[in-house]
């Protein structure tokens, strides 16, 4: 999105914030929950600024104003739009594929008989179209480096009309304008931009849309919260800078190897003391064994693996370890929550979007999904506090929590309702600026968590030690 000359910076920032909200909304974007008034309440922006952001993201009608301007009749994307308009045939989305370094958006014509039988929902469709445009804008693809020879910006395929983005082939504004123009020609009904596509875009928005490959009529995988999903270290995270207002999805190689280790511990049923080898992990991740061993040494330095004479093993976890970990997490978290309460509301947007992932995991996933989404929500709160050193310390503690969960093979299914309730309450108190109420909720949340984890540790829970270490 390009700001007009002289437009205040606040509008550009608002565009980024609103785009992040729409890109992660999923099929719910067409409901009243994502009206301009509700989005203004969510972000702390004025409704007029949000309304302007909606229009700028959607780019509705914008292609018409460019026809006599830049690149004129030489722009193949504009020629495609002209051809569609001359045909008078309505469209609907047929395919969206994001595979670095290319994005393909394909439309299909609607049969005249079908067009006559639909019931238009222009407002709902407009929000769905805006969500597609928002997902493209926050993907970071605009900053992709050029990769070899160019491809045509748009044209006709055997199955319909398509627009292709590849850096160096055409400008981003031309590409985005072409997609917006073809969306303008879609039937104003929900099916023109289906919910399963919006679900894929929402799930991948924080990953630069990496891996999206939606085709009309094909079933898609709906689960999206397991942190062991689709580990491809050389490709993840996708090139380009995704929106800073999205939940942070970028992981270092060490963190990805930690995820793979946790998955292996869970799947293979490893117990404390069992040995782990770098070679199988290196083979599965497509990395050199030396890279994996270096990462495993870092994990051992952080206490996430136990070092030995010939390699590494699954660490022992004692009741005292659990209490030590949660006491540190409690006190660092209290500092961070007090910092969050002092921040403007828009700084909490990634955490609010992450809360939506917790709620969705509770509806559609299992205890493990909710637990992982909850830890991501907590980390987003830490990052929103504006206290970088404390946030880094909290992140290191989160890695340890994840490993302990794997070693002890915890099941959080019985706690799902309580986790969602606590997270909603935390967010509500921070939005209202009630720092001490948020701290009290945090203390109760961690008290439940430490007792749940300690119940499966080899030693009995030392309630007196926990009371001493968790004292304010």
Protein backbone atom coordinates (compact mmCIF):
# COMPACT_ATOMS: atom_id res chain seq x y z
CA UNK A 1 0.00 0.00 0.00
CA UNK A 2 1.41 3.34 -1.05
CA UNK A 3 0.50 6.48 0.86
CA UNK A 4 -0.41 9.65 -0.99
CA UNK A 5 2.17 12.41 -0.85
CA UNK A 6 1.87 14.36 2.38
CA UNK A 7 -0.44 11.79 4.02
CA UNK A 8 0.38 11.49 7.74
CA UNK A 9 2.44 8.49 8.79
CA UNK A 10 -0.37 7.42 11.13
CA UNK A 11 -2.41 6.25 8.12
CA UNK A 12 0.41 4.08 6.79
CA UNK A 13 0.79 2.49 10.23
CA UNK A 14 -2.97 2.06 10.48
CA UNK A 15 -2.99 0.34 7.09
CA UNK A 16 -0.43 -2.19 8.35
CA UNK A 17 -2.32 -2.79 11.60
CA UNK A 18 -5.72 -3.22 9.93
CA UNK A 19 -4.23 -5.46 7.23
CA UNK A 20 -2.84 -7.74 9.93
CA UNK A 21 -6.27 -7.96 11.57
CA UNK A 22 -8.03 -8.79 8.29
CA UNK A 23 -5.36 -11.24 7.11
CA UNK A 24 -5.71 -13.35 10.27
CA UNK A 25 -9.50 -13.16 10.60
CA UNK A 26 -10.32 -16.21 8.49
CA UNK A 27 -13.93 -16.79 7.42
CA UNK A 28 -15.17 -14.66 10.35
CA UNK A 29 -14.00 -11.56 8.49
CA UNK A 30 -17.42 -11.25 6.82
CA UNK A 31 -19.22 -11.03 10.17
CA UNK A 32 -20.05 -7.93 12.20
CA UNK A 33 -17.08 -8.81 14.42
CA UNK A 34 -14.88 -7.21 11.76
CA UNK A 35 -16.88 -4.10 11.02
CA UNK A 36 -14.91 -0.86 10.97
CA UNK A 37 -16.32 0.00 14.39
CA UNK A 38 -15.25 -3.30 15.94
CA UNK A 39 -11.81 -3.19 14.33
CA UNK A 40 -11.39 0.36 15.65
CA UNK A 41 -12.20 -0.90 19.15
CA UNK A 42 -9.78 -3.80 18.72
CA UNK A 43 -6.85 -1.67 17.57
CA UNK A 44 -7.42 1.58 19.44
CA UNK A 45 -7.53 3.53 16.16
CA UNK A 46 -10.30 5.95 15.20
CA UNK A 47 -13.13 4.55 13.08
CA UNK A 48 -12.46 7.07 10.31
CA UNK A 49 -8.81 5.98 10.09
CA UNK A 50 -9.89 2.31 10.05
CA UNK A 51 -12.48 2.98 7.32
CA UNK A 52 -9.83 4.64 5.19
CA UNK A 53 -7.49 1.69 5.80
CA UNK A 54 -10.20 -0.75 4.65
CA UNK A 55 -10.59 1.18 1.38
CA UNK A 56 -6.85 1.43 0.78
CA UNK A 57 -6.30 -2.28 1.49
CA UNK A 58 -9.21 -3.35 -0.68
CA UNK A 59 -8.13 -1.08 -3.57
CA UNK A 60 -11.69 -1.36 -4.95
CA UNK A 61 -11.97 0.45 -8.26
CA UNK A 62 -8.35 1.59 -8.06
CA UNK A 63 -7.36 -0.25 -11.23
CA UNK A 64 -9.76 1.91 -13.24
CA UNK A 65 -7.85 5.05 -12.34
CA UNK A 66 -4.55 3.56 -13.54
CA UNK A 67 -5.69 2.60 -17.03
CA UNK A 68 -4.58 5.86 -18.55
CA UNK A 69 -1.53 6.13 -16.30
CA UNK A 70 1.52 4.06 -15.61
CA UNK A 71 2.46 1.47 -18.24
CA UNK A 72 -0.86 1.99 -20.08
CA UNK A 73 -1.80 -0.66 -22.64
CA UNK A 74 1.56 -2.38 -22.28
CA UNK A 75 0.60 -3.73 -18.87
CA UNK A 76 -0.71 -7.26 -19.42
CA UNK A 77 -2.52 -7.25 -16.07
CA UNK A 78 -4.57 -4.22 -17.10
CA UNK A 79 -5.30 -5.81 -20.47
CA UNK A 80 -6.64 -8.88 -18.67
CA UNK A 81 -8.97 -6.73 -16.58
CA UNK A 82 -10.21 -4.92 -19.70
CA UNK A 83 -10.94 -8.22 -21.40
CA UNK A 84 -12.93 -9.45 -18.42
CA UNK A 85 -14.93 -6.23 -18.24
CA UNK A 86 -15.71 -6.40 -21.96
CA UNK A 87 -16.93 -9.98 -21.62
CA UNK A 88 -19.30 -9.00 -18.82
CA UNK A 89 -18.82 -12.40 -17.17
CA UNK A 90 -18.60 -12.51 -13.38
CA UNK A 91 -15.68 -14.26 -11.70
CA UNK A 92 -14.76 -16.17 -8.58
CA UNK A 93 -11.42 -17.23 -7.16
CA UNK A 94 -10.16 -20.57 -8.44
CA UNK A 95 -6.66 -20.93 -7.04
CA UNK A 96 -4.15 -19.19 -4.78
CA UNK A 97 -0.60 -20.54 -4.57
CA UNK A 98 2.38 -19.06 -2.73
CA UNK A 99 5.68 -20.78 -3.44
CA UNK A 100 8.74 -18.55 -3.21
CA UNK A 101 9.55 -16.79 -5.45
CA UNK A 102 6.10 -16.81 -7.03
CA UNK A 103 2.50 -16.00 -6.12
CA UNK A 104 -0.29 -17.13 -8.42
CA UNK A 105 -3.89 -15.93 -8.11
CA UNK A 106 -6.33 -17.50 -10.56
CA UNK A 107 -9.96 -16.60 -11.26
CA UNK A 108 -12.67 -18.55 -13.07
CA UNK A 109 -15.71 -17.33 -14.91
CA UNK A 110 -19.18 -18.01 -13.48
CA UNK A 111 -21.84 -19.57 -15.69
CA UNK A 112 -24.64 -17.12 -16.53
CA UNK A 113 -27.27 -19.49 -15.12
CA UNK A 114 -25.45 -19.64 -11.79
CA UNK A 115 -25.01 -15.87 -11.71
CA UNK A 116 -28.78 -15.37 -11.98
CA UNK A 117 -29.55 -17.61 -8.98
CA UNK A 118 -27.25 -16.13 -6.31
CA UNK A 119 -28.21 -13.82 -3.46
CA UNK A 120 -25.64 -10.99 -3.31
CA UNK A 121 -23.97 -10.06 0.01
CA UNK A 122 -21.81 -7.14 -1.06
CA UNK A 123 -20.71 -6.05 2.42
CA UNK A 124 -19.67 -9.54 3.46
CA UNK A 125 -17.95 -10.16 0.12
CA UNK A 126 -16.13 -6.83 0.35
CA UNK A 127 -14.58 -7.86 3.67
CA UNK A 128 -13.59 -11.23 2.26
CA UNK A 129 -11.94 -9.57 -0.72
CA UNK A 130 -10.19 -7.15 1.64
CA UNK A 131 -8.88 -10.13 3.66
CA UNK A 132 -7.29 -11.60 0.50
CA UNK A 133 -5.66 -8.27 -0.35
CA UNK A 134 -4.54 -7.85 3.28
CA UNK A 135 -2.91 -11.28 3.31
CA UNK A 136 -0.92 -10.37 0.20
CA UNK A 137 0.12 -7.06 1.71
CA UNK A 138 1.39 -8.51 5.01
CA UNK A 139 3.14 -11.46 3.34
CA UNK A 140 6.42 -9.59 2.80
CA UNK A 141 6.47 -10.69 -0.86
CA UNK A 142 6.92 -7.07 -1.93
CA UNK A 143 10.49 -7.33 -0.60
CA UNK A 144 11.41 -10.65 -2.21
CA UNK A 145 14.71 -10.52 -4.13
CA UNK A 146 14.69 -11.05 -7.89
CA UNK A 147 15.12 -14.68 -8.90
CA UNK A 148 16.28 -15.28 -12.45
CA UNK A 149 14.21 -14.65 -15.55
CA UNK A 150 10.83 -12.94 -15.43
CA UNK A 151 7.43 -14.45 -16.10
CA UNK A 152 4.32 -12.81 -17.56
CA UNK A 153 2.45 -10.68 -15.02
CA UNK A 154 -0.91 -12.12 -16.02
CA UNK A 155 -2.78 -13.88 -18.75
CA UNK A 156 -5.12 -16.75 -19.43
CA UNK A 157 -4.61 -20.35 -18.40
CA UNK A 158 -6.52 -23.40 -19.54
CA UNK A 159 -8.70 -23.05 -16.47
CA UNK A 160 -9.23 -19.31 -16.13
CA UNK A 161 -7.68 -15.88 -15.70
CA UNK A 162 -4.58 -15.56 -13.60
CA UNK A 163 -2.25 -12.96 -12.13
CA UNK A 164 1.31 -13.96 -11.27
CA UNK A 165 3.80 -12.14 -9.06
CA UNK A 166 7.48 -12.82 -9.41
CA UNK A 167 9.98 -10.16 -8.33
CA UNK A 168 11.48 -8.45 -11.33
CA UNK A 169 8.64 -9.43 -13.67
CA UNK A 170 6.37 -6.52 -12.76
CA UNK A 171 5.92 -3.97 -9.99
CA UNK A 172 4.12 -4.95 -6.80
CA UNK A 173 1.56 -2.18 -7.25
CA UNK A 174 0.66 -3.48 -10.71
CA UNK A 175 0.27 -7.02 -9.36
CA UNK A 176 -1.84 -5.98 -6.38
CA UNK A 177 -3.93 -3.66 -8.53
CA UNK A 178 -4.59 -6.48 -11.00
CA UNK A 179 -5.77 -8.83 -8.24
CA UNK A 180 -7.98 -6.08 -6.80
CA UNK A 181 -9.44 -5.37 -10.23
CA UNK A 182 -10.37 -9.00 -10.81
CA UNK A 183 -11.87 -9.19 -7.32
CA UNK A 184 -14.03 -6.23 -8.35
CA UNK A 185 -15.43 -8.49 -11.10
CA UNK A 186 -16.30 -11.34 -8.73
CA UNK A 187 -19.85 -12.20 -7.79
CA UNK A 188 -20.55 -10.44 -4.44
CA UNK A 189 -21.22 -13.73 -2.62
CA UNK A 190 -19.31 -15.66 0.03
CA UNK A 191 -18.47 -18.51 -2.34
CA UNK A 192 -16.50 -16.17 -4.61
CA UNK A 193 -13.86 -16.04 -1.84
CA UNK A 194 -14.48 -19.31 0.06
CA UNK A 195 -13.93 -19.79 3.76
CA UNK A 196 -11.41 -22.61 3.31
CA UNK A 197 -9.15 -20.22 1.39
CA UNK A 198 -9.49 -17.57 4.08
CA UNK A 199 -8.65 -20.22 6.69
CA UNK A 200 -5.43 -21.13 4.87
CA UNK A 201 -4.43 -17.49 4.49
CA UNK A 202 -5.10 -16.80 8.17
CA UNK A 203 -3.09 -19.83 9.28
CA UNK A 204 -0.08 -18.84 7.13
CA UNK A 205 -0.18 -15.06 7.45
CA UNK A 206 2.61 -15.02 10.03
CA UNK A 207 4.75 -17.19 7.75
CA UNK A 208 4.57 -14.90 4.75
CA UNK A 209 1.83 -17.20 3.31
CA UNK A 210 4.55 -19.80 2.78
CA UNK A 211 2.97 -23.09 1.75
CA UNK A 212 -0.49 -21.83 0.77
CA UNK A 213 -1.79 -23.85 -2.18
CA UNK A 214 -5.57 -23.62 -2.37
CA UNK A 215 -7.65 -24.86 -5.28
CA UNK A 216 -11.40 -24.60 -5.56
CA UNK A 217 -13.12 -27.85 -4.71
CA UNK A 218 -10.12 -29.55 -3.11
CA UNK A 219 -10.23 -30.47 0.61
CA UNK A 220 -7.76 -28.71 2.91
CA UNK A 221 -6.22 -29.54 6.23
CA UNK A 222 -7.86 -27.39 8.92
CA UNK A 223 -5.59 -28.01 11.91
CA UNK A 224 -2.98 -25.28 12.14
CA UNK A 225 -1.62 -24.93 15.64
CA UNK A 226 0.89 -27.75 16.16
CA UNK A 227 4.38 -26.31 16.36
CA UNK A 228 5.75 -29.43 14.68
CA UNK A 229 3.87 -28.68 11.46
CA UNK A 230 5.75 -28.55 8.15
CA UNK A 231 9.31 -28.24 9.34
CA UNK A 232 11.46 -27.35 6.36
CA UNK A 233 14.42 -25.53 7.81
CA UNK A 234 16.03 -24.26 4.58
CA UNK A 235 12.74 -22.64 3.49
CA UNK A 236 11.10 -21.52 6.75
CA UNK A 237 10.49 -18.71 7.46
CA UNK A 238 9.67 -17.60 3.92
CA UNK A 239 11.82 -14.87 2.37
CA UNK A 240 10.53 -11.36 2.87
CA UNK A 241 9.48 -9.43 5.95
CA UNK A 242 5.96 -10.16 7.16
CA UNK A 243 4.02 -7.48 9.02
CA UNK A 244 5.41 -6.48 12.40
CA UNK A 245 1.80 -6.46 13.68
CA UNK A 246 1.35 -10.19 13.17
CA UNK A 247 2.19 -12.76 15.84
CA UNK A 248 5.88 -13.60 15.49
CA UNK A 249 6.28 -16.85 13.58
CA UNK A 250 9.94 -16.69 12.62
CA UNK A 251 12.11 -19.33 14.26
CA UNK A 252 15.84 -19.78 14.33
CA UNK A 253 17.35 -23.07 13.15
CA UNK A 254 18.11 -23.93 16.78
CA UNK A 255 14.47 -23.39 17.74
CA UNK A 256 13.27 -25.49 14.82
CA UNK A 257 15.61 -28.29 15.86
CA UNK A 258 14.24 -27.97 19.40
CA UNK A 259 10.74 -28.43 17.94
CA UNK A 260 11.89 -31.49 16.00
CA UNK A 261 13.50 -32.92 19.13
CA UNK A 262 10.32 -32.43 21.13
CA UNK A 263 8.33 -34.16 18.39
CA UNK A 264 10.77 -37.07 18.37
CA UNK A 265 10.62 -37.38 22.15
CA UNK A 266 6.81 -37.45 22.02
CA UNK A 267 6.49 -39.79 19.04
CA UNK A 268 9.18 -42.27 20.06
CA UNK A 269 8.18 -42.35 23.72
CA UNK A 270 11.66 -41.40 24.94
CA UNK A 271 12.08 -41.14 28.69
CA UNK A 272 14.64 -39.15 30.71
CA UNK A 273 18.12 -40.55 30.18
CA UNK A 274 17.48 -41.98 26.71
CA UNK A 275 20.14 -41.06 24.17
CA UNK A 276 19.44 -38.85 21.14
CA UNK A 277 21.38 -38.90 17.87
CA UNK A 278 22.03 -35.93 15.59
CA UNK A 279 22.18 -38.01 12.39
CA UNK A 280 18.46 -38.91 12.06
CA UNK A 281 17.45 -35.34 12.80
CA UNK A 282 19.91 -33.99 10.26
CA UNK A 283 18.53 -36.34 7.61
CA UNK A 284 14.89 -35.40 8.26
CA UNK A 285 15.58 -31.64 8.33
CA UNK A 286 17.85 -31.61 5.30
CA UNK A 287 20.76 -30.15 7.30
CA UNK A 288 24.32 -31.18 7.90
CA UNK A 289 24.98 -33.30 10.96
CA UNK A 290 27.46 -30.66 12.17
CA UNK A 291 24.77 -27.96 12.12
CA UNK A 292 22.41 -30.14 14.14
CA UNK A 293 25.12 -31.06 16.66
CA UNK A 294 25.97 -27.36 17.13
CA UNK A 295 22.30 -26.61 17.80
CA UNK A 296 22.06 -29.54 20.21
CA UNK A 297 25.08 -28.20 22.10
CA UNK A 298 23.29 -24.85 22.47
CA UNK A 299 20.21 -26.65 23.72
CA UNK A 300 22.39 -28.51 26.23
CA UNK A 301 23.89 -25.19 27.38
CA UNK A 302 20.33 -24.01 28.07
CA UNK A 303 19.50 -27.18 29.99
CA UNK A 304 17.14 -28.47 27.31
CA UNK A 305 19.30 -31.53 26.65
CA UNK A 306 21.62 -33.47 28.91
CA UNK A 307 25.22 -33.61 27.58
CA UNK A 308 27.24 -36.78 27.85
CA UNK A 309 30.60 -38.22 26.84
CA UNK A 310 29.32 -39.46 23.48
CA UNK A 311 26.42 -37.14 22.72
CA UNK A 312 23.17 -36.01 24.29
CA UNK A 313 20.23 -37.51 26.12
CA UNK A 314 16.74 -36.57 27.26
CA UNK A 315 17.13 -34.54 30.47
CA UNK A 316 15.82 -35.54 33.86
CA UNK A 317 13.02 -33.34 35.19
CA UNK A 318 12.54 -33.13 38.95
CA UNK A 319 9.83 -31.45 40.96
CA UNK A 320 12.38 -28.85 42.07
CA UNK A 321 13.22 -28.15 38.40
CA UNK A 322 9.55 -27.46 37.65
CA UNK A 323 9.16 -25.12 40.62
CA UNK A 324 12.41 -23.30 39.77
CA UNK A 325 11.28 -22.82 36.16
CA UNK A 326 7.81 -21.56 37.00
CA UNK A 327 9.01 -19.25 39.78
CA UNK A 328 11.37 -17.56 37.30
CA UNK A 329 8.63 -17.42 34.69
CA UNK A 330 6.19 -15.98 37.20
CA UNK A 331 8.42 -13.08 38.24
CA UNK A 332 9.67 -12.20 34.75
CA UNK A 333 6.07 -12.36 33.53
CA UNK A 334 4.93 -9.95 36.26
CA UNK A 335 7.47 -7.38 35.07
CA UNK A 336 6.38 -7.83 31.47
CA UNK A 337 2.66 -7.55 32.23
CA UNK A 338 3.23 -4.28 34.05
CA UNK A 339 5.12 -3.08 30.99
CA UNK A 340 2.25 -4.18 28.71
CA UNK A 341 -0.27 -2.20 30.72
CA UNK A 342 1.70 0.98 29.98
CA UNK A 343 1.72 0.45 26.20
CA UNK A 344 -0.76 1.94 23.69
CA UNK A 345 -3.44 -0.51 22.67
CA UNK A 346 -2.13 -1.13 19.17
CA UNK A 347 1.09 -2.59 20.62
CA UNK A 348 -1.04 -5.44 21.98
CA UNK A 349 -2.43 -6.33 18.57
CA UNK A 350 -0.16 -9.39 17.91
CA UNK A 351 -1.13 -10.77 21.33
CA UNK A 352 -4.80 -10.18 20.60
CA UNK A 353 -4.48 -12.05 17.32
CA UNK A 354 -2.61 -14.84 19.13
CA UNK A 355 -5.50 -15.01 21.61
CA UNK A 356 -7.75 -15.71 18.64
CA UNK A 357 -5.51 -18.68 17.82
CA UNK A 358 -5.96 -19.98 21.38
CA UNK A 359 -9.74 -19.72 21.04
CA UNK A 360 -9.71 -21.40 17.62
CA UNK A 361 -7.49 -24.21 18.93
CA UNK A 362 -9.95 -24.75 21.78
CA UNK A 363 -12.79 -25.07 19.25
CA UNK A 364 -11.04 -27.18 16.62
CA UNK A 365 -7.94 -28.77 18.14
CA UNK A 366 -6.86 -30.73 21.16
CA UNK A 367 -5.09 -30.06 24.44
CA UNK A 368 -1.65 -29.97 22.78
CA UNK A 369 -2.87 -27.39 20.23
CA UNK A 370 -4.29 -25.17 22.97
CA UNK A 371 -1.14 -25.45 25.04
CA UNK A 372 1.14 -24.45 22.16
CA UNK A 373 -1.17 -21.58 21.15
CA UNK A 374 -1.25 -20.44 24.79
CA UNK A 375 2.55 -20.33 25.02
CA UNK A 376 2.65 -18.30 21.79
CA UNK A 377 0.08 -15.89 23.25
CA UNK A 378 2.23 -15.47 26.36
CA UNK A 379 5.31 -14.74 24.25
CA UNK A 380 3.41 -12.12 22.25
CA UNK A 381 2.51 -10.39 25.51
CA UNK A 382 6.18 -10.48 26.49
CA UNK A 383 7.22 -8.93 23.17
CA UNK A 384 4.56 -6.21 23.48
CA UNK A 385 5.90 -4.92 26.80
CA UNK A 386 8.75 -2.92 25.26
CA UNK A 387 11.26 -4.55 27.64
CA UNK A 388 13.64 -6.40 25.34
CA UNK A 389 15.90 -8.04 27.94
CA UNK A 390 12.99 -9.35 29.99
CA UNK A 391 11.27 -10.59 26.82
CA UNK A 392 14.41 -12.52 25.81
CA UNK A 393 14.62 -14.08 29.26
CA UNK A 394 10.96 -15.05 29.06
CA UNK A 395 11.52 -16.62 25.64
CA UNK A 396 14.35 -18.76 26.99
CA UNK A 397 12.08 -19.91 29.81
CA UNK A 398 9.37 -20.75 27.26
CA UNK A 399 11.75 -23.07 25.39
CA UNK A 400 12.40 -24.88 28.66
CA UNK A 401 8.67 -25.15 29.38
CA UNK A 402 8.09 -26.71 25.96
CA UNK A 403 10.83 -29.28 26.54
CA UNK A 404 9.48 -30.15 30.01
CA UNK A 405 6.02 -30.66 28.50
CA UNK A 406 7.51 -33.12 26.01
CA UNK A 407 9.65 -34.99 28.53
CA UNK A 408 6.77 -35.36 31.00
CA UNK A 409 4.30 -36.00 28.14
CA UNK A 410 1.72 -33.66 29.63
CA UNK A 411 -1.90 -33.65 28.50
CA UNK A 412 -3.60 -30.27 28.86
CA UNK A 413 -7.00 -31.39 27.56
CA UNK A 414 -8.68 -31.13 31.00
CA UNK A 415 -7.38 -27.56 31.36
CA UNK A 416 -8.51 -26.15 27.99
CA UNK A 417 -11.46 -24.13 29.32
CA UNK A 418 -9.40 -22.68 32.14
CA UNK A 419 -6.55 -21.70 29.80
CA UNK A 420 -8.91 -19.86 27.45
CA UNK A 421 -10.66 -18.14 30.37
CA UNK A 422 -7.37 -16.98 31.90
CA UNK A 423 -5.99 -15.71 28.59
CA UNK A 424 -9.16 -13.74 27.83
CA UNK A 425 -9.08 -12.22 31.28
CA UNK A 426 -5.40 -11.30 30.98
CA UNK A 427 -6.04 -9.51 27.71
CA UNK A 428 -9.10 -7.66 29.00
CA UNK A 429 -7.21 -6.40 32.04
CA UNK A 430 -4.22 -5.25 29.99
CA UNK A 431 -6.42 -3.42 27.49
CA UNK A 432 -8.07 -1.63 30.41
CA UNK A 433 -4.65 -0.78 31.86
CA UNK A 434 -5.28 -2.75 35.07
CA UNK A 435 -1.74 -4.02 35.61
CA UNK A 436 -2.14 -5.45 39.11
CA UNK A 437 -5.33 -7.32 38.19
CA UNK A 438 -3.44 -8.83 35.25
CA UNK A 439 -0.59 -9.83 37.59
CA UNK A 440 -3.07 -11.57 39.91
CA UNK A 441 -4.56 -13.49 37.00
CA UNK A 442 -1.05 -14.43 35.87
CA UNK A 443 -0.15 -15.68 39.34
CA UNK A 444 -3.26 -17.89 39.46
CA UNK A 445 -2.60 -19.16 35.93
CA UNK A 446 0.97 -20.21 36.76
CA UNK A 447 -0.05 -21.69 40.10
CA UNK A 448 -2.37 -24.05 38.23
CA UNK A 449 0.30 -24.78 35.59
CA UNK A 450 3.09 -25.62 38.04
CA UNK A 451 0.85 -27.96 40.01
CA UNK A 452 -0.27 -29.69 36.81
CA UNK A 453 3.30 -30.22 35.63
CA UNK A 454 4.63 -31.18 39.06
CA UNK A 455 1.99 -33.89 39.39
CA UNK A 456 3.88 -35.88 36.72
CA UNK A 457 7.40 -35.11 37.94
CA UNK A 458 9.27 -37.96 39.70
CA UNK A 459 9.17 -36.17 43.07
CA UNK A 460 6.28 -34.97 45.17
CA UNK A 461 5.30 -31.33 44.74
CA UNK A 462 6.94 -29.16 47.41
CA UNK A 463 4.16 -26.68 48.14
CA UNK A 464 6.23 -24.81 50.72
CA UNK A 465 9.11 -24.25 48.27
CA UNK A 466 6.69 -22.98 45.64
CA UNK A 467 5.06 -20.63 48.14
CA UNK A 468 8.44 -19.20 49.15
CA UNK A 469 9.74 -18.72 45.59
CA UNK A 470 6.49 -17.33 44.20
CA UNK A 471 6.04 -14.76 46.93
CA UNK A 472 5.63 -11.24 45.51
